[in-house]
């Protein structure tokens, strides 16, 4: 099938590349000329495991192409994916200006039947708005479908190629049939394609992300309470997670959630509720707790240094909001580092992928290191913000030699309490 993807951010690029991998002819459209030129030359603009292999293979096979021309994209694709940003507006709502502006152009330019697919995370009623905007100028038939993505950064390629489910929001039999045909190669193992109305599909994505954010936040609350009463959150997590009604995933406490989805989507759903005079009391609490959780290590660090961080040198391991990505959007590390800098601390940082993005925000106010151990050299303490695999089994003897003080503040609970005790390192974690 001939597919066009408008927008080559994280979602658009993964979508276009993976659809090309099953034999479709895909054109990805982006207004950034420099970015398009780089992609034409095989340069992947984001870090996502395994994406580079598929990217290169499909470019060479001429199944994946890139253009700055919307006209070319619209002429090519029978199915047009909108993978455009929906950033958080000042009031917390999702900004639909990118989606609606492109929709207006689509209405002016399409000359034959197209299926327009909302791939972005959008509020309830967006498909209806897109349809209205396109209808004002369109001279041919078209359908608008909601097809939310459920991709985890760091696992996006696997999630797309082997989805747990595919959700299609459509009121058109013709569009539904085309979408089912497109996705059939991805569900050969029997995972469902769930067809529903457009509004339900739009809300499904928000509801799923809000629930997962709530699950994380609940465990952070439990972890904080554990510290008050002397309980161990790891043991509680094991006891809860084995209950099939609850499940083991998203029960790991830490310094809060970040990224491009959870913070934005929770706030957008909260704001959408307010617009309908509905108060999401649970989401209000989730947002409040998560904001506090991002800097939950700060008072512990201050206490250790007698509330005087001026000229204290601290090493930071992990800057991305999660491992296996270079994404720092709403990353807890950013919030914690800003607070530490306000207190006068000097920071040496290391992350396998995210340092270029951090440097765009912090400039030369940080000491960027080439290795995890370089960051420790002469530091008064180590702070762990992201659970990259390389941090899980460090050379603790080396850690002790390099640190001025043998103390680790771990925002992701990477180490077993008994094991770290044997290493002779003071260890402060979350809920233990």
Protein backbone atom coordinates (compact mmCIF):
# COMPACT_ATOMS: atom_id res chain seq x y z
CA UNK A 1 0.00 0.00 0.00
CA UNK A 2 1.03 3.60 -0.53
CA UNK A 3 1.37 5.44 2.79
CA UNK A 4 2.30 9.00 3.70
CA UNK A 5 3.30 10.15 7.16
CA UNK A 6 3.11 13.87 7.95
CA UNK A 7 5.65 14.66 10.66
CA UNK A 8 8.91 12.86 11.39
CA UNK A 9 9.14 13.16 15.12
CA UNK A 10 9.39 10.12 17.33
CA UNK A 11 5.96 8.69 16.43
CA UNK A 12 6.05 9.58 12.75
CA UNK A 13 9.51 8.18 12.10
CA UNK A 14 8.86 4.89 13.88
CA UNK A 15 5.47 4.56 12.16
CA UNK A 16 6.82 5.27 8.69
CA UNK A 17 9.85 3.01 9.05
CA UNK A 18 7.93 0.07 10.48
CA UNK A 19 5.18 0.31 7.86
CA UNK A 20 7.87 0.27 5.15
CA UNK A 21 9.32 -2.86 6.78
CA UNK A 22 6.17 -4.84 5.81
CA UNK A 23 6.48 -3.86 2.14
CA UNK A 24 4.50 -0.64 2.00
CA UNK A 25 5.75 2.33 -0.01
CA UNK A 26 6.13 5.14 2.51
CA UNK A 27 6.83 8.84 2.08
CA UNK A 28 7.54 10.85 5.24
CA UNK A 29 6.90 14.60 5.07
CA UNK A 30 8.59 17.23 7.24
CA UNK A 31 9.05 21.00 6.87
CA UNK A 32 12.61 20.90 8.24
CA UNK A 33 14.80 20.83 5.10
CA UNK A 34 18.02 20.05 6.98
CA UNK A 35 16.39 17.16 8.83
CA UNK A 36 14.92 15.74 5.61
CA UNK A 37 18.29 15.92 3.87
CA UNK A 38 19.97 14.08 6.74
CA UNK A 39 17.31 11.35 6.70
CA UNK A 40 17.71 10.95 2.94
CA UNK A 41 21.39 10.29 3.68
CA UNK A 42 20.54 7.59 6.21
CA UNK A 43 20.93 9.65 9.39
CA UNK A 44 18.33 8.78 12.05
CA UNK A 45 17.51 12.01 13.94
CA UNK A 46 16.45 10.25 17.18
CA UNK A 47 17.93 7.52 19.32
CA UNK A 48 15.72 4.44 19.38
CA UNK A 49 17.14 0.89 19.60
CA UNK A 50 16.93 -1.11 16.33
CA UNK A 51 15.42 1.79 14.37
CA UNK A 52 18.66 2.49 12.49
CA UNK A 53 18.77 -1.03 11.00
CA UNK A 54 15.19 -0.85 9.67
CA UNK A 55 15.72 2.73 8.56
CA UNK A 56 18.78 1.91 6.48
CA UNK A 57 17.29 -1.25 5.01
CA UNK A 58 14.09 0.39 3.79
CA UNK A 59 15.81 3.46 2.37
CA UNK A 60 18.08 1.20 0.33
CA UNK A 61 15.05 -0.79 -0.84
CA UNK A 62 13.36 2.49 -1.90
CA UNK A 63 10.37 1.72 0.31
CA UNK A 64 11.08 4.69 2.60
CA UNK A 65 11.50 8.19 1.22
CA UNK A 66 11.51 11.70 2.64
CA UNK A 67 10.29 15.02 1.32
CA UNK A 68 9.49 18.58 2.37
CA UNK A 69 6.62 18.70 -0.12
CA UNK A 70 3.17 18.18 1.37
CA UNK A 71 1.80 18.02 -2.18
CA UNK A 72 4.05 15.05 -2.95
CA UNK A 73 3.03 13.30 0.26
CA UNK A 74 -0.69 13.80 -0.34
CA UNK A 75 -0.50 12.68 -3.94
CA UNK A 76 1.41 9.53 -2.97
CA UNK A 77 -0.49 8.13 -0.01
CA UNK A 78 -3.87 6.45 0.01
CA UNK A 79 -3.60 6.50 3.79
CA UNK A 80 -2.25 9.72 5.29
CA UNK A 81 -0.95 9.54 8.86
CA UNK A 82 -0.86 12.76 10.90
CA UNK A 83 2.01 12.35 13.36
CA UNK A 84 2.19 15.97 14.41
CA UNK A 85 3.06 17.53 17.77
CA UNK A 86 0.26 18.24 20.23
CA UNK A 87 2.24 20.16 22.85
CA UNK A 88 0.91 21.22 26.20
CA UNK A 89 -0.73 24.64 26.02
CA UNK A 90 -0.45 27.23 28.77
CA UNK A 91 -3.66 25.98 30.40
CA UNK A 92 -2.61 22.31 30.24
CA UNK A 93 -4.76 21.47 27.21
CA UNK A 94 -3.38 19.87 24.05
CA UNK A 95 -2.44 22.40 21.38
CA UNK A 96 -4.08 21.20 18.14
CA UNK A 97 -2.82 24.01 15.93
CA UNK A 98 -0.33 21.81 14.04
CA UNK A 99 -2.97 19.15 13.38
CA UNK A 100 -5.67 21.58 12.30
CA UNK A 101 -3.37 23.73 10.14
CA UNK A 102 -2.22 20.66 8.18
CA UNK A 103 -5.84 19.47 7.97
CA UNK A 104 -6.78 22.78 6.31
CA UNK A 105 -4.05 22.25 3.71
CA UNK A 106 -5.18 18.67 3.13
CA UNK A 107 -8.70 19.87 2.41
CA UNK A 108 -7.34 22.32 -0.16
CA UNK A 109 -5.05 19.82 -1.89
CA UNK A 110 -6.54 16.30 -2.01
CA UNK A 111 -8.10 15.29 -5.32
CA UNK A 112 -9.18 11.69 -4.65
CA UNK A 113 -10.33 9.49 -1.76
CA UNK A 114 -7.93 9.42 1.21
CA UNK A 115 -8.00 8.03 4.71
CA UNK A 116 -6.67 10.65 7.12
CA UNK A 117 -5.36 9.02 10.28
CA UNK A 118 -4.84 10.86 13.59
CA UNK A 119 -1.74 9.10 14.97
CA UNK A 120 -0.95 11.85 17.45
CA UNK A 121 -2.37 11.75 20.96
CA UNK A 122 -5.35 14.06 20.68
CA UNK A 123 -8.33 15.07 22.86
CA UNK A 124 -11.79 13.58 22.43
CA UNK A 125 -13.51 15.14 19.43
CA UNK A 126 -10.35 15.87 17.42
CA UNK A 127 -11.26 13.51 14.56
CA UNK A 128 -14.54 15.38 14.27
CA UNK A 129 -12.70 18.75 14.15
CA UNK A 130 -10.25 17.45 11.53
CA UNK A 131 -13.15 16.22 9.42
CA UNK A 132 -14.89 19.58 9.64
CA UNK A 133 -11.73 21.50 8.67
CA UNK A 134 -10.99 19.25 5.68
CA UNK A 135 -14.64 19.30 4.55
CA UNK A 136 -14.62 23.08 4.08
CA UNK A 137 -12.38 22.82 1.00
CA UNK A 138 -12.26 19.14 -0.04
CA UNK A 139 -13.66 18.32 -3.49
CA UNK A 140 -13.51 14.55 -3.01
CA UNK A 141 -14.52 11.89 -0.50
CA UNK A 142 -12.31 11.18 2.52
CA UNK A 143 -12.50 9.55 5.91
CA UNK A 144 -10.89 10.49 9.21
CA UNK A 145 -9.72 7.73 11.53
CA UNK A 146 -8.30 7.80 15.05
CA UNK A 147 -5.44 5.32 15.48
CA UNK A 148 -3.58 6.08 18.71
CA UNK A 149 -0.04 4.78 19.18
CA UNK A 150 1.06 2.77 22.22
CA UNK A 151 4.80 2.97 21.73
CA UNK A 152 7.26 2.94 24.62
CA UNK A 153 10.41 4.93 24.01
CA UNK A 154 13.30 2.50 24.08
CA UNK A 155 11.04 -0.34 22.85
CA UNK A 156 9.12 1.45 20.10
CA UNK A 157 10.21 -0.73 17.18
CA UNK A 158 9.23 -3.95 18.96
CA UNK A 159 5.99 -2.37 20.16
CA UNK A 160 5.05 -1.40 16.60
CA UNK A 161 6.06 -4.66 14.94
CA UNK A 162 4.54 -6.83 17.71
CA UNK A 163 1.69 -4.79 19.18
CA UNK A 164 -0.37 -6.01 22.14
CA UNK A 165 -3.37 -4.48 20.41
CA UNK A 166 -4.23 -2.03 17.65
CA UNK A 167 -7.03 0.45 18.23
CA UNK A 168 -8.92 1.85 15.25
CA UNK A 169 -11.52 4.53 15.76
CA UNK A 170 -13.66 4.70 12.64
CA UNK A 171 -17.27 5.11 11.58
CA UNK A 172 -16.52 4.22 7.96
CA UNK A 173 -16.56 0.59 6.78
CA UNK A 174 -14.33 1.53 3.84
CA UNK A 175 -11.70 3.19 6.03
CA UNK A 176 -11.88 0.41 8.62
CA UNK A 177 -11.28 -2.22 5.94
CA UNK A 178 -8.20 -0.37 4.62
CA UNK A 179 -6.77 0.04 8.12
CA UNK A 180 -7.33 -3.64 8.95
CA UNK A 181 -5.57 -4.62 5.71
CA UNK A 182 -2.65 -2.33 6.57
CA UNK A 183 -2.19 -3.76 10.06
CA UNK A 184 -2.89 -7.43 9.27
CA UNK A 185 0.85 -8.33 8.98
CA UNK A 186 1.42 -7.07 12.52
CA UNK A 187 -1.21 -9.25 14.25
CA UNK A 188 -0.53 -12.68 12.79
CA UNK A 189 0.03 -14.04 16.30
CA UNK A 190 -3.57 -13.28 17.16
CA UNK A 191 -3.34 -9.99 19.03
CA UNK A 192 -6.53 -8.01 18.47
CA UNK A 193 -7.42 -5.15 16.17
CA UNK A 194 -10.07 -3.36 18.23
CA UNK A 195 -12.49 -1.24 16.21
CA UNK A 196 -14.53 1.43 17.96
CA UNK A 197 -15.87 4.92 17.39
CA UNK A 198 -13.42 7.79 17.00
CA UNK A 199 -14.11 9.44 20.37
CA UNK A 200 -13.63 6.20 22.27
CA UNK A 201 -10.33 5.58 20.46
CA UNK A 202 -9.10 9.07 21.33
CA UNK A 203 -10.00 8.62 24.98
CA UNK A 204 -8.49 5.12 25.12
CA UNK A 205 -4.99 6.55 24.69
CA UNK A 206 -5.44 9.22 27.35
CA UNK A 207 -7.07 6.78 29.76
CA UNK A 208 -4.27 4.22 29.32
CA UNK A 209 -1.49 6.75 29.92
CA UNK A 210 -3.30 8.35 32.85
CA UNK A 211 -3.81 4.95 34.48
CA UNK A 212 -0.13 4.01 34.12
CA UNK A 213 0.93 7.40 35.49
CA UNK A 214 -1.44 6.82 38.41
CA UNK A 215 0.05 3.38 39.06
CA UNK A 216 3.59 4.82 39.18
CA UNK A 217 2.48 7.68 41.39
CA UNK A 218 0.66 5.37 43.81
CA UNK A 219 3.84 3.34 44.31
CA UNK A 220 5.82 6.52 44.88
CA UNK A 221 3.35 7.47 47.60
CA UNK A 222 3.70 4.00 49.15
CA UNK A 223 7.49 4.32 48.96
CA UNK A 224 7.43 7.68 50.73
CA UNK A 225 5.20 6.21 53.45
CA UNK A 226 7.56 3.25 53.78
CA UNK A 227 10.31 5.64 54.81
CA UNK A 228 8.07 6.98 57.58
CA UNK A 229 7.25 3.57 59.06
CA UNK A 230 10.39 1.57 58.26
CA UNK A 231 8.90 -0.76 55.63
CA UNK A 232 10.67 -1.92 52.43
CA UNK A 233 8.91 -0.93 49.21
CA UNK A 234 10.73 -3.65 47.22
CA UNK A 235 9.11 -6.33 49.35
CA UNK A 236 5.73 -4.62 49.07
CA UNK A 237 6.12 -4.37 45.30
CA UNK A 238 6.80 -8.11 45.09
CA UNK A 239 3.80 -8.87 47.28
CA UNK A 240 1.51 -6.66 45.21
CA UNK A 241 2.87 -7.48 41.78
CA UNK A 242 2.18 -11.20 42.06
CA UNK A 243 -1.52 -10.41 42.31
CA UNK A 244 -2.74 -10.96 38.74
CA UNK A 245 -5.34 -8.23 39.19
CA UNK A 246 -2.55 -5.69 39.73
CA UNK A 247 0.40 -7.05 37.73
CA UNK A 248 4.13 -6.51 38.11
CA UNK A 249 4.68 -3.62 35.69
CA UNK A 250 4.80 0.07 36.59
CA UNK A 251 5.23 -0.67 40.29
CA UNK A 252 8.80 0.56 40.56
CA UNK A 253 9.10 3.65 42.78
CA UNK A 254 11.53 6.43 42.01
CA UNK A 255 11.84 10.14 41.36
CA UNK A 256 8.73 10.43 39.26
CA UNK A 257 7.70 9.96 35.65
CA UNK A 258 8.70 12.19 32.74
CA UNK A 259 8.86 12.02 28.97
CA UNK A 260 6.74 13.30 26.15
CA UNK A 261 3.56 11.38 26.99
CA UNK A 262 2.61 10.87 30.62
CA UNK A 263 3.01 14.46 31.92
CA UNK A 264 1.37 16.05 28.89
CA UNK A 265 -1.43 13.49 28.54
CA UNK A 266 -2.40 13.49 32.21
CA UNK A 267 -2.64 17.29 32.20
CA UNK A 268 -4.56 17.29 28.92
CA UNK A 269 -7.12 14.81 30.27
CA UNK A 270 -7.43 16.82 33.47
CA UNK A 271 -8.05 20.00 31.44
CA UNK A 272 -10.52 18.23 29.13
CA UNK A 273 -12.44 17.19 32.23
CA UNK A 274 -12.55 20.76 33.51
CA UNK A 275 -13.88 21.91 30.13
CA UNK A 276 -16.81 19.54 30.66
CA UNK A 277 -17.26 20.60 34.31
CA UNK A 278 -15.81 17.26 35.42
CA UNK A 279 -13.18 17.15 38.16
CA UNK A 280 -10.65 14.29 37.80
CA UNK A 281 -9.75 14.20 41.50
CA UNK A 282 -7.33 11.28 41.05
CA UNK A 283 -5.48 13.04 38.23
CA UNK A 284 -5.20 16.23 40.30
CA UNK A 285 -3.37 14.20 42.94
CA UNK A 286 -1.22 12.36 40.39
CA UNK A 287 0.05 15.66 38.96
CA UNK A 288 0.69 17.14 42.41
CA UNK A 289 2.54 14.09 43.75
CA UNK A 290 4.66 13.67 40.63
CA UNK A 291 5.83 17.29 40.72
CA UNK A 292 7.03 16.81 44.31
CA UNK A 293 8.56 13.42 43.54
CA UNK A 294 10.97 14.82 40.94
CA UNK A 295 12.97 16.52 43.68
CA UNK A 296 12.30 14.04 46.51
CA UNK A 297 16.04 13.37 46.82
CA UNK A 298 16.88 17.04 47.41
CA UNK A 299 16.13 17.21 51.16
CA UNK A 300 18.04 13.94 51.66
CA UNK A 301 21.07 15.37 49.85
CA UNK A 302 20.83 18.65 51.79
CA UNK A 303 20.60 16.82 55.11
CA UNK A 304 23.77 14.83 54.35
CA UNK A 305 25.69 18.03 53.60
CA UNK A 306 24.24 19.95 56.59
CA UNK A 307 22.07 22.13 54.34
CA UNK A 308 25.10 23.67 52.68
CA UNK A 309 25.56 22.69 49.02
CA UNK A 310 27.59 25.69 47.94
CA UNK A 311 30.59 24.37 46.00
CA UNK A 312 29.69 20.74 46.76
CA UNK A 313 30.60 18.64 43.72
CA UNK A 314 28.00 16.05 42.75
CA UNK A 315 28.10 13.37 40.06
CA UNK A 316 24.89 12.63 38.12
CA UNK A 317 24.38 9.28 36.38
CA UNK A 318 21.50 9.36 33.90
CA UNK A 319 19.81 12.38 32.33
CA UNK A 320 17.16 10.97 29.98
CA UNK A 321 13.69 10.53 31.44
CA UNK A 322 14.13 6.75 31.05
CA UNK A 323 16.81 4.39 29.70
CA UNK A 324 17.25 3.58 26.00
CA UNK A 325 16.30 7.05 24.82
CA UNK A 326 17.86 10.48 24.43
CA UNK A 327 14.57 12.18 25.36
CA UNK A 328 14.85 14.65 28.26
CA UNK A 329 11.33 16.08 28.08
CA UNK A 330 10.04 16.45 31.65
CA UNK A 331 12.97 14.35 32.85
CA UNK A 332 13.24 14.35 36.68
CA UNK A 333 17.00 14.88 36.32
CA UNK A 334 16.37 18.32 34.81
CA UNK A 335 14.25 19.45 37.75
CA UNK A 336 16.65 18.04 40.34
CA UNK A 337 19.74 19.53 38.68
CA UNK A 338 18.16 22.99 38.47
CA UNK A 339 17.38 22.89 42.19
CA UNK A 340 20.90 21.67 43.02
CA UNK A 341 22.40 24.49 40.93
CA UNK A 342 20.25 27.04 42.78
CA UNK A 343 21.82 25.74 46.00
CA UNK A 344 25.31 26.29 44.55
CA UNK A 345 26.26 22.66 43.78
CA UNK A 346 28.71 21.86 40.97
CA UNK A 347 27.51 19.03 38.75
CA UNK A 348 29.44 16.51 36.66
CA UNK A 349 27.08 14.49 34.49
CA UNK A 350 27.03 11.40 32.31
CA UNK A 351 24.37 9.78 30.14
CA UNK A 352 24.99 7.38 27.22
CA UNK A 353 22.69 9.28 24.85
CA UNK A 354 21.06 12.37 26.33
CA UNK A 355 23.97 14.76 26.97
CA UNK A 356 23.67 16.69 23.65
CA UNK A 357 20.02 17.45 24.48
CA UNK A 358 20.88 18.43 28.05
CA UNK A 359 23.62 20.74 26.81
CA UNK A 360 21.04 22.65 24.74
CA UNK A 361 19.25 23.53 27.98
CA UNK A 362 22.11 23.88 30.47
CA UNK A 363 24.93 25.08 28.23
CA UNK A 364 28.35 25.11 29.89
CA UNK A 365 26.93 25.23 33.45
CA UNK A 366 27.51 21.45 33.70
CA UNK A 367 30.66 19.37 33.41
CA UNK A 368 29.89 16.83 30.66
CA UNK A 369 31.88 13.62 31.07
CA UNK A 370 32.91 10.94 28.61
CA UNK A 371 32.27 8.05 30.99
CA UNK A 372 30.35 7.20 34.13
CA UNK A 373 33.58 6.95 36.11
CA UNK A 374 34.93 10.28 34.87
CA UNK A 375 31.87 11.93 36.42
CA UNK A 376 32.81 10.46 39.82
CA UNK A 377 36.34 11.82 39.89
CA UNK A 378 36.58 14.14 42.90
CA UNK A 379 32.80 14.22 43.46
CA UNK A 380 31.41 14.38 46.98
CA UNK A 381 28.48 12.07 46.18
CA UNK A 382 26.81 10.18 43.34
CA UNK A 383 23.17 10.75 42.32
CA UNK A 384 21.43 8.26 40.02
CA UNK A 385 18.50 9.65 38.02
CA UNK A 386 18.05 7.13 35.17
CA UNK A 387 18.29 3.34 35.36
CA UNK A 388 20.55 2.65 32.36
CA UNK A 389 21.80 -0.95 32.31
CA UNK A 390 25.46 0.13 32.49
CA UNK A 391 24.81 1.60 35.95
CA UNK A 392 23.45 -1.64 37.41
CA UNK A 393 26.76 -3.45 37.99
CA UNK A 394 29.49 -0.83 38.45
CA UNK A 395 32.95 -1.48 39.83
CA UNK A 396 32.20 -0.41 43.41
CA UNK A 397 35.87 -0.40 44.37
CA UNK A 398 36.47 2.11 41.60
CA UNK A 399 33.43 4.10 42.74
CA UNK A 400 34.87 4.33 46.28
CA UNK A 401 38.31 5.32 45.00
CA UNK A 402 36.96 8.15 42.86
CA UNK A 403 34.36 9.62 45.25
CA UNK A 404 35.47 11.95 48.04
CA UNK A 405 32.65 10.53 50.18
CA UNK A 406 31.30 7.00 49.80
CA UNK A 407 27.65 7.86 49.38
CA UNK A 408 25.11 7.20 46.63
CA UNK A 409 21.69 8.83 46.34
CA UNK A 410 19.74 6.46 44.12
CA UNK A 411 16.52 7.76 42.58
CA UNK A 412 15.81 4.44 40.81
CA UNK A 413 16.61 1.80 43.49
CA UNK A 414 19.18 0.03 41.31
CA UNK A 415 21.03 -1.86 44.03
CA UNK A 416 20.12 -4.51 46.55
CA UNK A 417 20.36 -3.12 50.07
CA UNK A 418 22.39 -6.05 51.44
CA UNK A 419 24.77 -6.05 48.47
CA UNK A 420 25.51 -2.34 48.71
CA UNK A 421 26.01 -2.61 52.48
CA UNK A 422 28.72 -5.23 51.89
CA UNK A 423 30.49 -2.80 49.55
CA UNK A 424 30.88 -0.34 52.43
CA UNK A 425 28.99 2.45 50.66
CA UNK A 426 26.39 4.68 52.30
CA UNK A 427 23.25 4.33 50.27
CA UNK A 428 20.08 6.41 50.14
CA UNK A 429 17.25 5.13 47.96
CA UNK A 430 13.46 5.53 47.65
CA UNK A 431 11.15 3.80 50.13
CA UNK A 432 13.76 1.46 51.62
